[in-house]
Protein backbone atom coordinates (compact mmCIF):
# COMPACT_ATOMS: atom_id res chain seq x y z
CA UNK A 1 7.27 -0.87 18.74
CA UNK A 2 3.57 0.06 18.79
CA UNK A 3 0.73 -2.35 17.97
CA UNK A 4 0.33 -0.98 14.47
CA UNK A 5 3.97 -1.71 13.66
CA UNK A 6 3.72 -5.12 15.33
CA UNK A 7 0.82 -6.12 13.04
CA UNK A 8 2.48 -4.90 9.85
CA UNK A 9 3.85 -7.82 7.80
CA UNK A 10 5.85 -5.33 5.68
CA UNK A 11 8.68 -4.66 8.09
CA UNK A 12 10.81 -2.68 5.67
CA UNK A 13 10.47 1.01 4.86
CA UNK A 14 6.98 2.53 5.01
CA UNK A 15 6.73 4.34 1.67
CA UNK A 16 2.97 4.55 1.10
CA UNK A 17 1.87 7.04 -1.54
CA UNK A 18 5.40 7.73 -2.82
CA UNK A 19 5.69 9.01 -6.42
CA UNK A 20 8.52 7.83 -8.66
CA UNK A 21 8.63 10.00 -11.80
CA UNK A 22 11.12 9.77 -14.66
CA UNK A 23 13.34 7.59 -12.50
CA UNK A 24 15.68 4.86 -13.69
CA UNK A 25 15.20 2.21 -11.03
CA UNK A 26 16.60 -0.69 -13.03
CA UNK A 27 17.56 -3.54 -10.75
CA UNK A 28 16.00 -1.89 -7.67
CA UNK A 29 15.24 -4.29 -4.82
CA UNK A 30 12.13 -3.67 -2.73
CA UNK A 31 12.06 -6.17 0.14
CA UNK A 32 9.41 -5.97 2.87
CA UNK A 33 8.44 -2.49 1.73
CA UNK A 34 4.98 -0.95 2.10
CA UNK A 35 4.34 0.83 -1.22
CA UNK A 36 0.53 0.97 -0.97
CA UNK A 37 -0.85 3.74 -3.22
CA UNK A 38 2.61 4.40 -4.70
CA UNK A 39 2.81 5.85 -8.22
CA UNK A 40 5.47 4.55 -10.61
CA UNK A 41 6.33 6.38 -13.84
CA UNK A 42 9.75 4.82 -14.13
CA UNK A 43 12.10 2.28 -15.65
CA UNK A 44 11.98 -0.80 -13.42
CA UNK A 45 13.70 -3.38 -15.63
CA UNK A 46 14.89 -6.35 -13.60
CA UNK A 47 13.52 -4.79 -10.40
CA UNK A 48 12.60 -7.15 -7.56
CA UNK A 49 9.57 -6.76 -5.33
CA UNK A 50 9.72 -9.29 -2.49
CA UNK A 51 7.27 -9.40 0.43
CA UNK A 52 6.04 -6.01 -0.72
CA UNK A 53 2.67 -4.29 -0.39
CA UNK A 54 1.70 -2.74 -3.74
CA UNK A 55 -2.01 -2.50 -2.93
CA UNK A 56 -3.61 0.18 -5.11
CA UNK A 57 -0.23 1.04 -6.64
CA UNK A 58 -0.26 2.67 -10.05
CA UNK A 59 2.29 1.61 -12.68
CA UNK A 60 1.87 3.91 -15.69
CA UNK A 61 4.23 4.26 -18.65
CA UNK A 62 6.68 1.86 -17.00
CA UNK A 63 9.20 -0.67 -18.21
CA UNK A 64 8.89 -3.77 -16.00
CA UNK A 65 10.69 -6.11 -18.41
CA UNK A 66 12.33 -8.88 -16.45
CA UNK A 67 10.91 -7.59 -13.16
CA UNK A 68 10.14 -10.10 -10.44
CA UNK A 69 7.24 -10.10 -8.01
CA UNK A 70 7.46 -12.59 -5.14
CA UNK A 71 4.84 -12.66 -2.38
CA UNK A 72 3.41 -9.23 -3.16
CA UNK A 73 -0.01 -7.69 -2.68
CA UNK A 74 -1.16 -6.13 -5.96
CA UNK A 75 -4.86 -5.95 -5.08
CA UNK A 76 -6.43 -2.88 -6.63
CA UNK A 77 -3.21 -2.02 -8.49
CA UNK A 78 -3.30 -0.69 -12.06
CA UNK A 79 -0.73 -1.33 -14.77
CA UNK A 80 -1.10 0.77 -17.96
CA UNK A 81 1.18 1.53 -20.89
CA UNK A 82 3.72 -0.96 -19.61
CA UNK A 83 6.35 -3.32 -20.96
CA UNK A 84 5.86 -6.61 -19.11
CA UNK A 85 7.92 -8.79 -21.45
CA UNK A 86 9.50 -11.88 -19.90
CA UNK A 87 7.09 -11.60 -16.97
CA UNK A 88 6.50 -14.78 -14.99
CA UNK A 89 3.41 -15.08 -12.82
CA UNK A 90 3.03 -18.08 -10.53
CA UNK A 91 1.10 -19.00 -7.40
CA UNK A 92 -1.12 -15.93 -7.74
CA UNK A 93 -4.73 -14.98 -7.35
CA UNK A 94 -6.12 -13.20 -10.39
CA UNK A 95 -9.73 -13.07 -9.17
CA UNK A 96 -11.68 -10.19 -10.72
CA UNK A 97 -8.67 -9.09 -12.78
CA UNK A 98 -9.14 -7.46 -16.18
CA UNK A 99 -6.70 -7.50 -19.10
CA UNK A 100 -7.52 -5.17 -22.01
CA UNK A 101 -5.82 -4.18 -25.26
CA UNK A 102 -2.82 -6.43 -24.62
CA UNK A 103 -0.33 -7.98 -27.04
CA UNK A 104 -0.47 -11.62 -25.93
CA UNK A 105 2.00 -12.95 -28.51
CA UNK A 106 3.78 -15.95 -27.02
CA UNK A 107 1.95 -15.69 -23.68
CA UNK A 108 1.22 -19.03 -22.05
CA UNK A 109 -1.09 -20.08 -19.24
CA UNK A 110 -0.13 -23.43 -17.74
CA UNK A 111 1.95 -24.13 -20.84
CA UNK A 112 -0.85 -23.40 -23.37
CA UNK A 113 -0.54 -20.47 -25.76
CA UNK A 114 -3.23 -17.92 -24.97
CA UNK A 115 -3.78 -17.34 -28.69
CA UNK A 116 -4.61 -21.06 -29.02
CA UNK A 117 -7.07 -20.77 -26.14
CA UNK A 118 -8.81 -17.84 -27.85
CA UNK A 119 -8.97 -19.72 -31.16
CA UNK A 120 -10.53 -22.74 -29.44
CA UNK A 121 -13.01 -20.47 -27.66
CA UNK A 122 -13.99 -18.76 -30.94
CA UNK A 123 -14.46 -22.16 -32.67
CA UNK A 124 -16.60 -23.42 -29.81
CA UNK A 125 -18.68 -20.26 -29.78
CA UNK A 126 -19.25 -20.45 -33.57
CA UNK A 127 -20.16 -24.16 -33.56
CA UNK A 128 -23.85 -25.01 -33.83
CA UNK A 129 -25.43 -26.22 -30.56
CA UNK A 130 -25.27 -29.99 -30.10
């Protein structure tokens, strides 16, 4: 084993830059895989990503309903035109993340409906200064 391999925390397959197009990968299990810069245009319902590097990965026109991400690196990743229903996010860093044009119906952050948070924010913003 060379030094580069010895320093790689993703000890599974090295699949950087792989493209997955029109693939049905429902229930796929990625464990310890390096998928940095991978491109997913696939069905990934109930897929599991465990100890996986998804840095700068691109998920476009994907179905990730019921997918699970556990101890993954998604820094610089992009998710567009995706179904993320039933997604659970916990113990994550969302620093400098951006969510746009999303249907947030029923979404909760720490048990609070996001729509309620937005309503409270709008009321506070519209209230006259104290």
